[in-house]
Amino acid sequence: MAEKANVLVVDDELGPRESMRMILKPNHNVFTAEDGATALRTIEERPIDLVTLDLKMRGMQGIEVLKEIKKNNPQIEVIIVTGFGTLKSATEAMKYGVKGYITKPYNLSEITSIVEKAIEERRFNLKLRNFFKEALFSDTTHFSEEAESDLPPLAENALEEGDVSEDLLDVTEYKIKKMKEMQDDVSRENAVLEEKLMRSERLALVGQMAAGYAHELNNSLTTMLGYTELVHNVINTNHPELRELLDKITTITNQTQRASQLTHNLLDISRKKSSEREPTDVHKLVDQVLAYTEYRVHAQGLKVVRDFEPALPRISVDPRRVEQVFLNLILNACHAMAKGGTITITARQVQREMGSVVQLAFADSGHGIAEQNLKEIFDPFFSTKAGSGGTGLGLFISRKIVESYQGTIDVKSEENKGTTFTVEFPALQG
């Protein structure tokens, strides 16, 4: 088993700093620093392998800390962490050889993947370096730990010795080849990262514009709903001869409410969510959501099967927000089974590498999702409900909510055989 790496988490906010520490703690020796100066002192005092570094901090900014780290300890790998996603600062950070870029709120699987990859690359680079030291300088030159980061050139007569010259040339050629391959890999990764950041910037701009329009539109829709209900009540009470118009007024009301819900969804994306949490029983939460949908389930002739593991641990979430996720998944299942079927909801405690999680699966026996649509199912404004009222925001918002609690949401589907959405949240201990 590989020795645990020493990871330094640098963030001036206690919540994100502790969250990152808890995510990495099971597999690594984790140290924390609340500012740049403390981080640099820690690196002087301890053999740090990798740093997760917040770009936006009070006092010494993350980019300055990065420069100091790479200036004095170039072999330490650095992963940038920020909630701002600014393209300019991220691009500048890439110039100093960062190994990844993570945005807040954290995605558990993304953090684990990037950190493990960076540590493995560091270990490979150290092994490769030691190999060349032994191959190129064995019995001729000795190095201290301080000199490892700046290997001296070969002696002028090193290649003139007949018994070693061919080996030295072979090793040098191999080294150049590996360096070129690694350089190409880094260039490709940087290109992908920059494109990802640019897309993030564009989406953020669209979100800001949409939020402004949604706010103004919502005010108008609220007024329209009020007057429509007033007309409905006046006709129903004082003008029975006009009651044949009530169905049309009801249609107007329903469509206005649908438009209002769409604007609420857009505003929900743009708002910064409260960090309020409470221990939540998923059994009760699922039963509560099923009570909301009982009429629709009965009207469609659907069957609901609950398969709950007893004595599940609670999860730390805002139940009102997670309720929105469960409601969306159940309504999606109802939509997929217009001609009847079964919704099966399972709840289990599962052990993952990072700790125990509560896993919920929402499975339907409906028409399924086409394979080419699965990779886009969580994208904003993508909907498979063409012509049926889908806004394409439900699953996008659901994923944002789940990930804000360090959870995950995945989907598996096969056409004409059904769909299963699996949601996992970290379990509360004790």
Protein backbone atom coordinates (compact mmCIF):
# COMPACT_ATOMS: atom_id res chain seq x y z
CA MET A 1 0.00 0.00 0.00
CA ALA A 2 1.38 3.42 -0.98
CA GLU A 3 2.50 5.72 1.81
CA LYS A 4 0.04 8.50 2.62
CA ALA A 5 0.84 11.82 0.97
CA ASN A 6 1.11 15.08 2.95
CA VAL A 7 -1.58 17.47 1.70
CA LEU A 8 -1.90 21.12 2.75
CA VAL A 9 -5.37 22.71 2.46
CA VAL A 10 -5.19 26.52 2.20
CA ASP A 11 -8.46 28.47 2.50
CA ASP A 12 -9.39 31.54 4.55
CA GLU A 13 -12.96 30.23 5.08
CA LEU A 14 -13.38 27.69 7.88
CA GLY A 15 -16.28 25.79 6.27
CA PRO A 16 -14.66 24.97 2.90
CA ARG A 17 -11.30 24.36 4.62
CA GLU A 18 -12.75 21.80 7.04
CA SER A 19 -14.90 20.25 4.32
CA MET A 20 -11.83 19.66 2.15
CA ARG A 21 -9.89 18.31 5.15
CA MET A 22 -12.63 15.76 5.91
CA ILE A 23 -12.82 14.66 2.26
CA LEU A 24 -9.05 14.05 2.02
CA LYS A 25 -8.38 12.83 5.59
CA PRO A 26 -9.16 9.10 5.06
CA ASN A 27 -6.41 8.69 2.43
CA HIS A 28 -3.84 11.38 3.23
CA ASN A 29 -2.08 13.27 6.02
CA VAL A 30 -3.91 16.59 5.88
CA PHE A 31 -2.68 19.95 7.26
CA THR A 32 -4.56 23.23 7.04
CA ALA A 33 -3.69 26.91 6.77
CA GLU A 34 -6.04 29.89 6.99
CA ASP A 35 -3.84 32.30 5.01
CA GLY A 36 -0.85 32.47 2.66
CA ALA A 37 1.76 33.27 5.29
CA THR A 38 0.74 30.28 7.42
CA ALA A 39 0.80 28.06 4.34
CA LEU A 40 4.36 29.05 3.43
CA ARG A 41 5.55 28.49 7.02
CA THR A 42 3.94 25.04 7.04
CA ILE A 43 5.73 24.15 3.80
CA GLU A 44 9.06 25.19 5.37
CA GLU A 45 8.39 23.04 8.44
CA ARG A 46 6.89 19.92 6.82
CA PRO A 47 7.52 17.84 3.66
CA ILE A 48 4.35 18.75 1.76
CA ASP A 49 3.50 16.80 -1.40
CA LEU A 50 0.41 18.65 -2.60
CA VAL A 51 -1.41 21.92 -1.85
CA THR A 52 -5.08 22.75 -2.49
CA LEU A 53 -5.04 26.54 -2.74
CA ASP A 54 -7.94 29.00 -2.69
CA LEU A 55 -7.37 31.84 -5.18
CA LYS A 56 -9.45 34.48 -3.38
CA MET A 57 -8.18 35.04 0.18
CA ARG A 58 -7.83 37.92 2.56
CA GLY A 59 -4.30 39.29 2.80
CA MET A 60 -1.88 37.41 0.56
CA GLN A 61 -3.76 36.33 -2.58
CA GLY A 62 -3.65 32.73 -3.79
CA ILE A 63 -1.75 33.56 -6.97
CA GLU A 64 1.07 35.12 -4.89
CA VAL A 65 1.20 32.07 -2.63
CA LEU A 66 1.38 29.89 -5.77
CA LYS A 67 4.32 31.88 -7.11
CA GLU A 68 6.22 31.51 -3.82
CA ILE A 69 5.55 27.78 -3.67
CA LYS A 70 6.75 27.18 -7.23
CA LYS A 71 9.75 29.48 -6.73
CA ASN A 72 11.04 27.72 -3.60
CA ASN A 73 9.47 24.23 -3.91
CA PRO A 74 8.76 23.54 -7.60
CA GLN A 75 8.18 19.82 -6.98
CA ILE A 76 5.12 20.47 -4.79
CA GLU A 77 1.94 19.94 -6.81
CA VAL A 78 -0.77 22.62 -6.52
CA ILE A 79 -4.52 22.38 -7.20
CA ILE A 80 -6.42 25.67 -7.43
CA VAL A 81 -9.74 25.91 -5.54
CA THR A 82 -12.12 28.87 -5.91
CA GLY A 83 -15.75 29.83 -5.84
CA PHE A 84 -15.33 32.61 -8.36
CA GLY A 85 -14.16 30.78 -11.50
CA THR A 86 -12.50 33.85 -13.01
CA LEU A 87 -10.85 32.96 -16.30
CA LYS A 88 -8.06 35.54 -15.98
CA SER A 89 -6.77 34.38 -12.59
CA ALA A 90 -7.18 30.69 -13.49
CA THR A 91 -5.28 31.14 -16.74
CA GLU A 92 -2.50 32.94 -14.88
CA ALA A 93 -2.36 30.11 -12.35
CA MET A 94 -1.96 27.53 -15.14
CA LYS A 95 1.24 29.27 -16.24
CA TYR A 96 2.84 28.09 -13.00
CA GLY A 97 2.05 24.42 -13.59
CA VAL A 98 -1.01 23.79 -11.42
CA LYS A 99 -2.41 20.27 -11.65
CA GLY A 100 -6.11 21.09 -11.59
CA TYR A 101 -8.87 23.58 -11.01
CA ILE A 102 -11.81 22.92 -8.64
CA THR A 103 -14.82 25.20 -8.15
CA LYS A 104 -16.97 25.54 -5.05
CA PRO A 105 -19.29 23.94 -3.99
CA TYR A 106 -17.14 20.84 -4.01
CA ASN A 107 -17.85 17.79 -6.11
CA LEU A 108 -16.65 14.82 -4.03
CA SER A 109 -15.71 12.52 -6.92
CA GLU A 110 -14.04 15.38 -8.84
CA ILE A 111 -11.84 16.32 -5.85
CA THR A 112 -10.83 12.71 -5.22
CA SER A 113 -9.97 12.13 -8.88
CA ILE A 114 -7.89 15.31 -9.32
CA VAL A 115 -5.98 14.91 -6.03
CA GLU A 116 -5.17 11.24 -6.61
CA LYS A 117 -4.04 11.92 -10.17
CA ALA A 118 -1.76 14.79 -9.06
CA ILE A 119 -0.18 12.70 -6.29
CA GLU A 120 0.39 9.76 -8.63
CA GLU A 121 2.05 12.07 -11.18
CA ARG A 122 4.28 13.50 -8.45
CA ARG A 123 5.36 10.03 -7.34
CA PHE A 124 6.04 9.04 -10.94
CA ASN A 125 8.12 12.17 -11.53
CA LEU A 126 10.18 11.53 -8.38
CA LYS A 127 10.82 7.92 -9.40
CA LEU A 128 11.77 9.04 -12.90
CA ARG A 129 14.11 11.65 -11.48
CA ASN A 130 15.80 9.15 -9.18
CA PHE A 131 16.15 6.75 -12.10
CA PHE A 132 18.01 9.31 -14.18
CA LYS A 133 20.16 10.33 -11.24
CA GLU A 134 21.26 6.74 -10.81
CA ALA A 135 21.58 6.09 -14.54
CA LEU A 136 23.38 9.30 -15.48
CA PHE A 137 25.39 10.12 -12.40
CA SER A 138 25.99 6.83 -10.61
CA ASP A 139 29.47 6.68 -9.05
CA THR A 140 30.36 10.10 -10.52
CA THR A 141 28.27 12.71 -8.76
CA HIS A 142 26.34 12.81 -5.46
CA PHE A 143 23.49 15.18 -4.63
CA SER A 144 22.00 16.61 -1.47
CA GLU A 145 18.22 16.95 -0.98
CA GLU A 146 18.53 20.69 -1.71
CA ALA A 147 20.20 20.04 -5.08
CA GLU A 148 17.54 17.61 -6.34
CA SER A 149 15.46 20.38 -7.90
CA ASP A 150 18.41 21.64 -10.01
CA LEU A 151 20.48 18.75 -11.35
CA PRO A 152 23.94 19.83 -12.66
CA PRO A 153 24.98 19.09 -16.26
CA LEU A 154 27.11 16.07 -17.19
CA ALA A 155 30.84 16.39 -16.96
CA GLU A 156 32.49 17.34 -20.28
CA ASN A 157 34.15 13.91 -20.67
CA ALA A 158 31.17 11.85 -19.49
CA LEU A 159 30.19 10.67 -22.97
CA GLU A 160 33.79 9.94 -24.02
CA GLU A 161 34.04 6.86 -21.82
CA GLY A 162 33.48 3.95 -24.18
CA ASP A 163 31.93 1.64 -21.60
CA VAL A 164 29.09 4.04 -20.66
CA SER A 165 28.57 6.37 -23.60
CA GLU A 166 25.98 4.23 -25.42
CA ASP A 167 23.99 3.65 -22.24
CA LEU A 168 24.06 7.35 -21.45
CA LEU A 169 22.85 8.23 -24.93
CA ASP A 170 20.03 5.67 -24.73
CA VAL A 171 18.93 6.95 -21.33
CA THR A 172 19.11 10.58 -22.47
CA GLU A 173 17.05 9.80 -25.55
CA TYR A 174 14.47 8.02 -23.39
CA LYS A 175 14.36 10.96 -21.00
CA ILE A 176 13.77 13.45 -23.82
CA LYS A 177 11.00 11.26 -25.22
CA LYS A 178 9.25 11.01 -21.84
CA MET A 179 9.57 14.74 -21.26
CA LYS A 180 8.02 15.41 -24.67
CA GLU A 181 5.15 13.03 -23.93
CA MET A 182 4.53 14.66 -20.55
CA GLN A 183 4.69 18.14 -22.12
CA ASP A 184 2.12 17.09 -24.73
CA ASP A 185 -0.13 15.68 -22.01
CA VAL A 186 0.10 18.90 -19.99
CA SER A 187 -0.67 21.00 -23.08
CA ARG A 188 -3.75 18.93 -23.84
CA GLU A 189 -4.94 19.08 -20.23
CA ASN A 190 -4.44 22.85 -20.13
CA ALA A 191 -6.39 23.29 -23.36
CA VAL A 192 -9.29 21.24 -21.99
CA LEU A 193 -9.17 23.14 -18.69
CA GLU A 194 -9.17 26.53 -20.40
CA GLU A 195 -12.16 25.54 -22.56
CA LYS A 196 -13.98 24.34 -19.45
CA LEU A 197 -13.32 27.66 -17.71
CA MET A 198 -14.51 29.66 -20.71
CA ARG A 199 -17.74 27.67 -20.82
CA SER A 200 -18.16 28.27 -17.09
CA GLU A 201 -17.70 32.01 -17.62
CA ARG A 202 -20.28 32.07 -20.41
CA LEU A 203 -22.78 30.11 -18.32
CA ALA A 204 -22.25 32.48 -15.38
CA LEU A 205 -22.92 35.50 -17.61
CA VAL A 206 -26.06 33.91 -19.04
CA GLY A 207 -27.16 33.10 -15.50
CA GLN A 208 -26.77 36.71 -14.36
CA MET A 209 -28.75 38.01 -17.34
CA ALA A 210 -31.45 35.36 -16.93
CA ALA A 211 -31.80 36.17 -13.22
CA GLY A 212 -32.40 39.85 -14.02
CA TYR A 213 -35.01 39.08 -16.67
CA ALA A 214 -36.63 36.40 -14.50
CA HIS A 215 -37.02 38.83 -11.58
CA GLU A 216 -38.80 41.44 -13.73
CA LEU A 217 -40.92 38.82 -15.50
CA ASN A 218 -41.94 37.25 -12.20
CA ASN A 219 -43.28 40.58 -10.95
CA SER A 220 -45.47 40.88 -14.06
CA LEU A 221 -46.68 37.28 -13.78
CA THR A 222 -47.62 37.76 -10.14
CA THR A 223 -49.81 40.72 -11.12
CA MET A 224 -51.38 38.73 -13.97
CA LEU A 225 -52.19 35.83 -11.65
CA GLY A 226 -53.81 38.14 -9.13
CA TYR A 227 -56.12 39.77 -11.68
CA THR A 228 -56.95 36.43 -13.32
CA GLU A 229 -58.06 34.98 -10.00
CA LEU A 230 -60.07 38.14 -9.34
CA VAL A 231 -61.92 37.79 -12.69
CA HIS A 232 -62.51 34.10 -11.96
CA ASN A 233 -64.10 34.89 -8.58
CA VAL A 234 -66.24 37.75 -9.93
CA ILE A 235 -67.67 35.58 -12.72
CA ASN A 236 -68.27 32.65 -10.40
CA THR A 237 -70.04 34.85 -7.83
CA ASN A 238 -71.84 37.60 -9.75
CA HIS A 239 -72.12 36.54 -13.40
CA PRO A 240 -73.31 32.94 -13.70
CA GLU A 241 -74.20 33.56 -17.37
CA LEU A 242 -70.43 33.81 -18.12
CA ARG A 243 -69.40 30.61 -16.35
CA GLU A 244 -68.65 28.95 -19.67
CA LEU A 245 -65.56 31.17 -19.73
CA LEU A 246 -64.21 29.75 -16.45
CA ASP A 247 -62.43 26.82 -18.14
CA LYS A 248 -60.57 29.23 -20.41
CA ILE A 249 -59.65 31.42 -17.45
CA THR A 250 -58.42 28.32 -15.59
CA THR A 251 -56.20 27.47 -18.57
CA ILE A 252 -54.77 31.00 -18.50
CA THR A 253 -54.12 30.65 -14.77
CA ASN A 254 -52.38 27.28 -15.15
CA GLN A 255 -50.11 28.51 -17.95
CA THR A 256 -49.26 31.68 -16.03
CA GLN A 257 -48.39 29.58 -12.97
CA ARG A 258 -46.18 27.39 -15.15
CA ALA A 259 -44.35 30.46 -16.47
CA SER A 260 -44.02 31.74 -12.90
CA GLN A 261 -42.50 28.42 -11.81
CA LEU A 262 -39.97 28.67 -14.64
CA THR A 263 -38.87 32.13 -13.45
CA HIS A 264 -38.61 30.81 -9.89
CA ASN A 265 -36.34 28.03 -11.19
CA LEU A 266 -34.11 30.56 -12.95
CA LEU A 267 -33.89 32.67 -9.80
CA ASP A 268 -33.20 29.53 -7.76
CA ILE A 269 -30.10 28.86 -9.90
CA SER A 270 -28.71 32.37 -9.39
CA ARG A 271 -29.29 32.72 -5.65
CA LYS A 272 -26.58 31.89 -3.14
CA LYS A 273 -28.07 29.21 -0.97
CA SER A 274 -28.14 29.26 2.80
CA SER A 275 -25.76 26.88 4.48
CA GLU A 276 -28.42 25.91 7.06
CA ARG A 277 -28.51 22.18 7.66
CA GLU A 278 -30.21 19.83 10.06
CA PRO A 279 -30.10 16.07 10.72
CA THR A 280 -32.68 14.65 8.32
CA ASP A 281 -34.41 11.26 8.22
CA VAL A 282 -34.61 10.20 4.54
CA HIS A 283 -37.47 7.76 5.29
CA LYS A 284 -39.72 10.57 6.50
CA LEU A 285 -38.60 12.89 3.72
CA VAL A 286 -39.43 10.39 0.96
CA ASP A 287 -42.81 9.55 2.57
CA GLN A 288 -43.61 13.26 2.75
CA VAL A 289 -42.87 13.75 -0.95
CA LEU A 290 -44.93 10.66 -1.84
CA ALA A 291 -47.84 12.22 0.04
CA TYR A 292 -47.58 15.26 -2.24
CA THR A 293 -47.75 13.07 -5.36
CA GLU A 294 -50.31 10.55 -4.10
CA TYR A 295 -53.15 11.93 -6.24
CA ARG A 296 -51.12 11.84 -9.49
CA VAL A 297 -49.76 8.35 -8.78
CA HIS A 298 -53.28 7.07 -8.12
CA ALA A 299 -54.74 8.85 -11.17
CA GLN A 300 -52.14 7.24 -13.49
CA GLY A 301 -52.61 3.80 -11.98
CA LEU A 302 -49.00 3.61 -10.84
CA LYS A 303 -47.62 1.34 -8.14
CA VAL A 304 -45.07 2.56 -5.59
CA VAL A 305 -42.70 0.08 -3.94
CA ARG A 306 -40.66 1.19 -0.90
CA ASP A 307 -37.56 -0.85 -0.08
CA PHE A 308 -35.99 0.95 2.88
CA GLU A 309 -33.14 -0.47 4.95
CA PRO A 310 -34.05 -0.10 8.64
CA ALA A 311 -32.16 2.18 11.01
CA LEU A 312 -30.50 4.29 8.34
CA PRO A 313 -28.23 7.09 9.59
CA ARG A 314 -29.45 10.63 9.06
CA ILE A 315 -27.98 13.10 6.57
CA SER A 316 -27.01 16.74 7.18
CA VAL A 317 -29.02 18.83 4.67
CA ASP A 318 -31.73 21.46 4.35
CA PRO A 319 -34.73 19.09 4.03
CA ARG A 320 -36.74 21.67 2.06
CA ARG A 321 -34.12 21.74 -0.71
CA VAL A 322 -33.62 17.95 -0.83
CA GLU A 323 -37.39 17.54 -0.87
CA GLN A 324 -37.30 19.49 -4.14
CA VAL A 325 -34.84 16.91 -5.57
CA PHE A 326 -36.95 13.90 -4.55
CA LEU A 327 -40.14 15.53 -5.86
CA ASN A 328 -38.53 16.20 -9.24
CA LEU A 329 -37.30 12.59 -9.56
CA ILE A 330 -40.71 11.14 -8.67
CA LEU A 331 -42.55 13.46 -11.07
CA ASN A 332 -40.08 12.52 -13.83
CA ALA A 333 -40.86 8.85 -13.15
CA CYS A 334 -44.60 9.58 -13.39
CA HIS A 335 -44.07 11.36 -16.71
CA ALA A 336 -42.14 8.36 -18.07
CA MET A 337 -45.02 5.97 -17.26
CA ALA A 338 -48.09 7.62 -18.77
CA LYS A 339 -49.60 4.17 -19.40
CA GLY A 340 -48.92 2.80 -15.92
CA GLY A 341 -45.99 1.10 -14.26
CA THR A 342 -44.00 0.85 -11.02
CA ILE A 343 -41.87 3.32 -9.11
CA THR A 344 -39.38 1.54 -6.84
CA ILE A 345 -37.61 3.61 -4.19
CA THR A 346 -34.75 1.99 -2.27
CA ALA A 347 -32.69 3.40 0.59
CA ARG A 348 -29.41 1.83 1.75
CA GLN A 349 -26.31 2.63 3.76
CA VAL A 350 -23.22 2.08 1.59
CA GLN A 351 -19.52 2.22 2.41
CA ARG A 352 -17.37 4.31 0.09
CA GLU A 353 -13.64 5.07 0.21
CA MET A 354 -14.36 8.48 1.73
CA GLY A 355 -16.78 7.09 4.35
CA SER A 356 -20.37 5.96 4.80
CA VAL A 357 -23.13 7.34 2.57
CA VAL A 358 -26.92 7.06 2.43
CA GLN A 359 -27.90 5.90 -1.04
CA LEU A 360 -31.38 6.39 -2.51
CA ALA A 361 -32.43 4.95 -5.86
CA PHE A 362 -35.56 6.07 -7.75
CA ALA A 363 -36.34 3.48 -10.43
CA ASP A 364 -39.23 3.48 -12.91
CA SER A 365 -40.40 0.96 -15.49
CA GLY A 366 -41.07 3.63 -18.11
CA HIS A 367 -39.90 4.32 -21.65
CA GLY A 368 -36.29 5.03 -20.63
CA ILE A 369 -33.84 7.60 -21.99
CA ALA A 370 -32.00 7.32 -25.28
CA GLU A 371 -28.28 6.65 -24.89
CA GLN A 372 -27.29 9.82 -26.78
CA ASN A 373 -29.33 11.91 -24.30
CA LEU A 374 -27.87 10.46 -21.09
CA LYS A 375 -24.70 12.56 -21.20
CA GLU A 376 -26.79 15.76 -21.48
CA ILE A 377 -29.56 14.89 -19.03
CA PHE A 378 -28.19 17.20 -16.27
CA ASP A 379 -27.39 20.11 -18.61
CA PRO A 380 -29.43 23.32 -18.19
CA PHE A 381 -32.42 23.71 -20.54
CA PHE A 382 -32.05 20.16 -21.90
CA SER A 383 -35.33 18.24 -21.78
CA THR A 384 -36.62 14.97 -23.20
CA LYS A 385 -40.21 16.19 -22.65
CA ALA A 386 -40.53 17.98 -25.97
CA GLY A 387 -44.02 19.49 -26.25
CA SER A 388 -44.99 18.27 -22.77
CA GLY A 389 -44.09 21.25 -20.62
CA GLY A 390 -40.53 20.37 -19.65
CA THR A 391 -38.27 23.34 -18.86
CA GLY A 392 -34.97 21.45 -18.80
CA LEU A 393 -34.04 22.91 -15.41
CA GLY A 394 -35.32 20.30 -12.94
CA LEU A 395 -32.38 17.87 -13.10
CA PHE A 396 -29.84 20.69 -13.47
CA ILE A 397 -31.09 22.30 -10.25
CA SER A 398 -31.36 18.91 -8.54
CA ARG A 399 -27.69 18.15 -9.27
CA LYS A 400 -26.64 21.57 -7.93
CA ILE A 401 -28.58 20.95 -4.71
CA VAL A 402 -27.14 17.45 -4.19
CA GLU A 403 -23.56 18.55 -4.89
CA SER A 404 -23.90 21.48 -2.47
CA TYR A 405 -24.08 18.85 0.30
CA GLN A 406 -21.06 16.93 -1.06
CA GLY A 407 -23.42 14.35 -2.54
CA THR A 408 -23.65 12.73 -5.97
CA ILE A 409 -26.46 12.00 -8.42
CA ASP A 410 -26.19 9.55 -11.34
CA VAL A 411 -28.53 8.03 -13.89
CA LYS A 412 -28.74 4.69 -15.67
CA SER A 413 -31.34 3.99 -18.32
CA GLU A 414 -32.27 1.69 -21.16
CA GLU A 415 -34.92 2.47 -23.72
CA ASN A 416 -38.24 0.67 -23.10
CA LYS A 417 -36.87 -0.84 -19.88
CA GLY A 418 -36.86 2.07 -17.46
CA THR A 419 -34.60 4.56 -15.69
CA THR A 420 -32.88 4.68 -12.29
CA PHE A 421 -31.60 7.84 -10.63
CA THR A 422 -29.20 7.19 -7.74
CA VAL A 423 -28.56 9.88 -5.13
CA GLU A 424 -25.93 9.63 -2.37
CA PHE A 425 -25.35 11.88 0.65
CA PRO A 426 -22.61 11.59 3.31
CA ALA A 427 -24.05 9.87 6.37
CA LEU A 428 -24.03 11.56 9.76
CA GLN A 429 -21.86 9.66 12.20
CA GLY A 430 -23.03 8.81 15.70
